[in-house]
Amino acid sequence: MLSFPKIDPVLFKLGPLQVRWYGLMYVLGFCGSYFLVRHQISKFRLQKLAVEFENLNFVLIISLVLGGRLGYVFFYNFPYYLEHPLEIFATWHGGMSFHGAVIALVLAGYLYCRKKGLNFLETADIYVVTTPVGLGLGRLGNFINAELFGRVSDVPWAMVFPGAGPLARHPSQLYEALLEGVVLFVILWRLKTEKYRRRWAHGTMLAAFLVFYGFFRIFSEFFRQPDAQIGFLAGFITRGQLLSAVMICAGLILYFNVKNESNV
């Protein structure tokens, strides 16, 4: 059993203002995505996207935060927020859903691209390959906060998390950081290079992201403690696994649609 590292979730304080590690991870994720997208715009000479780049980024950031919060409200704890609606705005109490963020990002991105005359699927492919950067950093933030911890385990690297009782648990946040962050980034970045070499249809990267993320999330959820207010569905699956299965189906449908259209 390993000892949980004693890392103060608060990085530093400026009077009443607290700068937390988790918030820093969000900022670093946004910065990483920003520079990687800009690099692709320059490399692939996407002049029209270059013009809309800054405004689109602003729309996507707002959509990510709102979608993540509302996704958590509706997917994970709707009865509570129905009784305490003002708590929806108390984001400092925690509660974000990546699945909700994905829905909001896709919807906002589609509407913006349609309004500005951008190819949505091409634009989505550029952005989505950078998403694992923020995902991996976010999971590290979860680990520092000692939240979203794993199930009870006796593996040698199990840890006793603060506030999770006396039993050792899987550091599932680190599993997710590795799979949803490092591994997923390597896969998508490599596929992105192959896309332009083989002329795959626009939308292929978005489809690949939905499928691979869904599989990685389903796998990692077998080690993660389900949300206390929900528990297991049908006695053995989690809400996260169910939502990820929907992502996989959406990704496969998208892949075969864009593949068939490219062959017409």
Protein backbone atom coordinates (compact mmCIF):
# COMPACT_ATOMS: atom_id res chain seq x y z
CA MET A 1 0.00 0.00 0.00
CA LEU A 2 1.26 3.48 -0.86
CA SER A 3 0.78 6.64 1.16
CA PHE A 4 -1.40 9.30 -0.38
CA PRO A 5 0.84 12.30 -1.13
CA LYS A 6 0.05 15.27 1.05
CA ILE A 7 -0.51 17.98 -1.54
CA ASP A 8 -2.48 21.05 -0.50
CA PRO A 9 -5.29 21.48 -3.06
CA VAL A 10 -4.75 25.24 -2.70
CA LEU A 11 -1.67 26.24 -4.66
CA PHE A 12 -1.44 29.70 -3.09
CA LYS A 13 -3.59 32.47 -1.64
CA LEU A 14 -3.82 36.15 -2.46
CA GLY A 15 -5.88 37.61 0.35
CA PRO A 16 -9.36 36.09 0.08
CA LEU A 17 -8.54 34.67 -3.36
CA GLN A 18 -7.49 31.02 -3.56
CA VAL A 19 -5.69 29.57 -6.56
CA ARG A 20 -6.27 25.82 -6.57
CA TRP A 21 -4.40 23.09 -8.42
CA TYR A 22 -7.62 21.94 -10.07
CA GLY A 23 -8.26 25.37 -11.52
CA LEU A 24 -4.66 25.57 -12.71
CA MET A 25 -5.12 22.26 -14.54
CA TYR A 26 -8.08 23.75 -16.43
CA VAL A 27 -5.97 26.76 -17.44
CA LEU A 28 -3.07 24.56 -18.56
CA GLY A 29 -5.47 22.36 -20.51
CA PHE A 30 -6.94 25.38 -22.31
CA CYS A 31 -3.44 26.70 -23.08
CA GLY A 32 -2.27 23.33 -24.39
CA SER A 33 -5.28 23.02 -26.66
CA TYR A 34 -4.88 26.62 -27.84
CA PHE A 35 -1.30 26.18 -29.05
CA LEU A 36 -1.88 22.73 -30.56
CA VAL A 37 -4.90 23.94 -32.52
CA ARG A 38 -3.01 27.02 -33.71
CA HIS A 39 -0.14 24.77 -34.77
CA GLN A 40 -2.51 22.66 -36.90
CA ILE A 41 -4.15 25.72 -38.44
CA SER A 42 -0.75 26.93 -39.56
CA LYS A 43 0.48 23.51 -40.70
CA PHE A 44 -2.62 22.65 -42.72
CA ARG A 45 -3.16 26.26 -43.90
CA LEU A 46 -6.73 26.59 -42.67
CA GLN A 47 -7.12 30.29 -43.41
CA LYS A 48 -10.86 30.50 -42.78
CA LEU A 49 -10.52 28.85 -39.37
CA ALA A 50 -7.60 31.15 -38.55
CA VAL A 51 -9.90 34.16 -38.92
CA GLU A 52 -12.50 32.70 -36.53
CA PHE A 53 -10.00 31.04 -34.17
CA GLU A 54 -10.17 33.42 -31.19
CA ASN A 55 -13.95 33.86 -31.22
CA LEU A 56 -14.53 30.14 -31.61
CA ASN A 57 -12.23 29.45 -28.67
CA PHE A 58 -14.26 31.79 -26.48
CA VAL A 59 -17.52 30.09 -27.47
CA LEU A 60 -16.06 26.62 -26.81
CA ILE A 61 -14.66 27.54 -23.39
CA ILE A 62 -18.02 28.93 -22.25
CA SER A 63 -19.80 25.88 -23.67
CA LEU A 64 -17.41 23.50 -21.90
CA VAL A 65 -17.99 25.08 -18.48
CA LEU A 66 -21.77 25.39 -18.87
CA GLY A 67 -22.17 21.96 -20.44
CA GLY A 68 -19.98 20.30 -17.83
CA ARG A 69 -21.94 21.84 -14.99
CA LEU A 70 -25.40 21.24 -16.42
CA GLY A 71 -24.41 17.73 -17.42
CA TYR A 72 -23.55 16.95 -13.81
CA VAL A 73 -26.81 18.50 -12.64
CA PHE A 74 -28.99 16.45 -15.00
CA PHE A 75 -26.98 13.22 -15.26
CA TYR A 76 -25.73 12.74 -11.72
CA ASN A 77 -27.78 14.60 -9.10
CA PHE A 78 -30.93 16.08 -10.63
CA PRO A 79 -33.28 15.42 -7.64
CA TYR A 80 -30.93 17.34 -5.33
CA TYR A 81 -30.62 20.34 -7.63
CA LEU A 82 -34.35 20.31 -8.26
CA GLU A 83 -34.80 20.95 -4.53
CA HIS A 84 -31.82 23.33 -4.28
CA PRO A 85 -31.73 25.21 -7.62
CA LEU A 86 -29.34 27.92 -6.39
CA GLU A 87 -26.71 25.23 -5.82
CA ILE A 88 -26.46 24.84 -9.58
CA PHE A 89 -24.39 28.03 -9.59
CA ALA A 90 -22.16 26.91 -6.69
CA THR A 91 -19.46 25.44 -8.91
CA TRP A 92 -16.89 25.79 -6.13
CA HIS A 93 -18.63 22.88 -4.42
CA GLY A 94 -17.56 20.65 -7.31
CA GLY A 95 -19.55 18.69 -9.86
CA MET A 96 -18.68 18.65 -13.57
CA SER A 97 -19.61 16.06 -16.19
CA PHE A 98 -17.38 15.45 -19.18
CA HIS A 99 -20.24 13.85 -21.09
CA GLY A 100 -22.28 17.02 -20.59
CA ALA A 101 -19.33 19.09 -21.77
CA VAL A 102 -19.04 16.98 -24.95
CA ILE A 103 -22.70 17.53 -25.80
CA ALA A 104 -22.38 21.28 -25.28
CA LEU A 105 -19.12 21.52 -27.25
CA VAL A 106 -20.50 19.61 -30.23
CA LEU A 107 -23.72 21.62 -30.28
CA ALA A 108 -22.06 25.03 -29.84
CA GLY A 109 -19.31 24.16 -32.31
CA TYR A 110 -21.81 23.03 -34.92
CA LEU A 111 -23.95 26.16 -34.58
CA TYR A 112 -20.93 28.47 -34.71
CA CYS A 113 -19.45 26.74 -37.75
CA ARG A 114 -22.76 26.80 -39.54
CA LYS A 115 -23.19 30.51 -38.88
CA LYS A 116 -19.65 31.38 -40.00
CA GLY A 117 -19.50 29.01 -42.99
CA LEU A 118 -16.85 26.70 -41.54
CA ASN A 119 -16.74 22.97 -42.17
CA PHE A 120 -17.87 21.63 -38.80
CA LEU A 121 -16.38 18.14 -39.11
CA GLU A 122 -13.03 19.46 -40.32
CA THR A 123 -12.95 21.96 -37.45
CA ALA A 124 -13.98 19.32 -34.92
CA ASP A 125 -11.15 17.07 -36.09
CA ILE A 126 -8.66 19.88 -35.46
CA TYR A 127 -9.89 20.56 -31.94
CA VAL A 128 -10.73 17.08 -30.71
CA VAL A 129 -7.20 15.69 -31.05
CA THR A 130 -6.09 18.24 -28.42
CA THR A 131 -8.82 17.36 -25.92
CA PRO A 132 -6.82 14.62 -24.11
CA VAL A 133 -4.38 17.28 -22.86
CA GLY A 134 -7.09 18.86 -20.71
CA LEU A 135 -8.55 15.48 -19.78
CA GLY A 136 -5.25 14.16 -18.44
CA LEU A 137 -4.51 17.34 -16.49
CA GLY A 138 -8.05 17.38 -15.10
CA ARG A 139 -7.64 13.86 -13.74
CA LEU A 140 -4.42 14.92 -12.03
CA GLY A 141 -6.44 17.71 -10.45
CA ASN A 142 -8.99 15.15 -9.24
CA PHE A 143 -6.15 13.15 -7.69
CA ILE A 144 -4.73 16.17 -5.86
CA ASN A 145 -8.23 16.95 -4.56
CA ALA A 146 -8.58 13.32 -3.41
CA GLU A 147 -11.91 13.10 -5.26
CA LEU A 148 -13.38 10.57 -7.70
CA PHE A 149 -11.22 7.94 -6.03
CA GLY A 150 -11.27 4.24 -6.82
CA ARG A 151 -12.84 1.16 -5.33
CA VAL A 152 -11.41 -0.72 -2.38
CA SER A 153 -8.41 -2.79 -3.42
CA ASP A 154 -5.40 -4.68 -2.05
CA VAL A 155 -3.06 -4.01 -5.00
CA PRO A 156 0.40 -2.83 -3.88
CA TRP A 157 -0.20 0.70 -5.19
CA ALA A 158 -3.58 1.16 -3.48
CA MET A 159 -3.93 4.29 -1.32
CA VAL A 160 -6.01 5.47 1.63
CA PHE A 161 -7.66 8.64 0.39
CA PRO A 162 -8.60 11.46 2.79
CA GLY A 163 -12.33 11.38 3.44
CA ALA A 164 -12.78 7.93 1.86
CA GLY A 165 -12.58 5.83 5.01
CA PRO A 166 -9.76 3.63 6.35
CA LEU A 167 -9.57 1.18 3.43
CA ALA A 168 -7.03 1.41 0.61
CA ARG A 169 -8.39 2.15 -2.85
CA HIS A 170 -7.36 2.21 -6.49
CA PRO A 171 -5.86 5.59 -7.54
CA SER A 172 -8.31 5.49 -10.44
CA GLN A 173 -7.75 9.16 -11.24
CA LEU A 174 -4.21 8.24 -12.31
CA TYR A 175 -5.49 5.38 -14.45
CA GLU A 176 -7.80 7.83 -16.21
CA ALA A 177 -5.04 10.43 -16.56
CA LEU A 178 -2.93 7.82 -18.34
CA LEU A 179 -5.66 6.37 -20.57
CA GLU A 180 -7.81 9.43 -21.28
CA GLY A 181 -4.83 11.76 -21.35
CA VAL A 182 -1.52 10.29 -22.51
CA VAL A 183 -2.65 7.20 -24.43
CA LEU A 184 -5.64 8.87 -26.08
CA PHE A 185 -3.51 11.86 -27.15
CA VAL A 186 -0.87 9.61 -28.73
CA ILE A 187 -3.54 7.64 -30.62
CA LEU A 188 -5.40 10.69 -31.93
CA TRP A 189 -2.30 12.68 -32.82
CA ARG A 190 -0.94 9.73 -34.79
CA LEU A 191 -4.27 9.21 -36.54
CA LYS A 192 -4.41 12.92 -37.36
CA THR A 193 -1.12 12.59 -39.24
CA GLU A 194 -2.43 9.53 -41.07
CA LYS A 195 -5.65 11.35 -41.95
CA TYR A 196 -3.86 13.87 -44.12
CA ARG A 197 -1.61 11.21 -45.60
CA ARG A 198 -4.47 8.92 -46.54
CA ARG A 199 -7.13 11.61 -47.10
CA TRP A 200 -9.62 10.24 -44.62
CA ALA A 201 -12.99 11.95 -44.50
CA HIS A 202 -13.59 14.91 -42.20
CA GLY A 203 -15.18 13.70 -38.98
CA THR A 204 -12.92 10.66 -38.66
CA MET A 205 -11.00 12.14 -35.73
CA LEU A 206 -14.18 13.12 -33.91
CA ALA A 207 -15.53 9.59 -34.38
CA ALA A 208 -12.24 8.08 -33.18
CA PHE A 209 -12.27 10.28 -30.10
CA LEU A 210 -15.82 9.29 -29.16
CA VAL A 211 -15.05 5.58 -29.57
CA PHE A 212 -11.64 5.44 -27.88
CA TYR A 213 -12.62 7.74 -25.02
CA GLY A 214 -15.76 5.70 -24.47
CA PHE A 215 -13.81 2.44 -24.23
CA PHE A 216 -11.14 3.91 -21.96
CA ARG A 217 -13.76 5.46 -19.67
CA ILE A 218 -15.76 2.23 -19.45
CA PHE A 219 -12.60 0.30 -18.57
CA SER A 220 -11.40 2.77 -15.94
CA GLU A 221 -14.84 2.93 -14.31
CA PHE A 222 -14.40 -0.70 -13.24
CA PHE A 223 -11.80 0.62 -10.80
CA ARG A 224 -13.56 3.86 -9.84
CA GLN A 225 -16.01 4.20 -6.96
CA PRO A 226 -19.43 5.11 -8.39
CA ASP A 227 -21.10 8.31 -7.25
CA ALA A 228 -22.64 7.79 -3.82
CA GLN A 229 -26.01 9.31 -4.78
CA ILE A 230 -26.35 6.93 -7.75
CA GLY A 231 -24.39 3.77 -7.01
CA PHE A 232 -24.56 0.95 -9.53
CA LEU A 233 -27.18 0.69 -12.26
CA ALA A 234 -28.67 -2.77 -12.75
CA GLY A 235 -26.34 -3.89 -9.98
CA PHE A 236 -23.06 -3.75 -11.88
CA ILE A 237 -22.65 -0.76 -14.24
CA THR A 238 -22.11 2.92 -13.47
CA ARG A 239 -23.72 6.03 -14.92
CA GLY A 240 -20.38 6.96 -16.47
CA GLN A 241 -20.18 3.61 -18.27
CA LEU A 242 -23.72 3.98 -19.61
CA LEU A 243 -23.02 7.47 -20.97
CA SER A 244 -19.73 6.26 -22.44
CA ALA A 245 -21.50 3.42 -24.23
CA VAL A 246 -23.74 6.04 -25.86
CA MET A 247 -20.58 7.92 -26.92
CA ILE A 248 -19.19 4.78 -28.55
CA CYS A 249 -22.41 4.21 -30.48
CA ALA A 250 -22.45 7.84 -31.63
CA GLY A 251 -18.82 7.58 -32.71
CA LEU A 252 -19.44 4.42 -34.74
CA ILE A 253 -22.50 5.90 -36.43
CA LEU A 254 -20.52 9.04 -37.30
CA TYR A 255 -17.57 7.02 -38.61
CA PHE A 256 -19.62 4.87 -40.98
CA ASN A 257 -21.63 7.89 -42.16
CA VAL A 258 -18.59 9.98 -43.09
CA LYS A 259 -16.86 6.94 -44.56
CA ASN A 260 -19.81 6.14 -46.80
CA GLU A 261 -20.16 9.78 -47.88
CA SER A 262 -16.46 9.93 -48.78
CA ASN A 263 -16.92 6.88 -51.02
CA VAL A 264 -19.87 8.33 -52.94
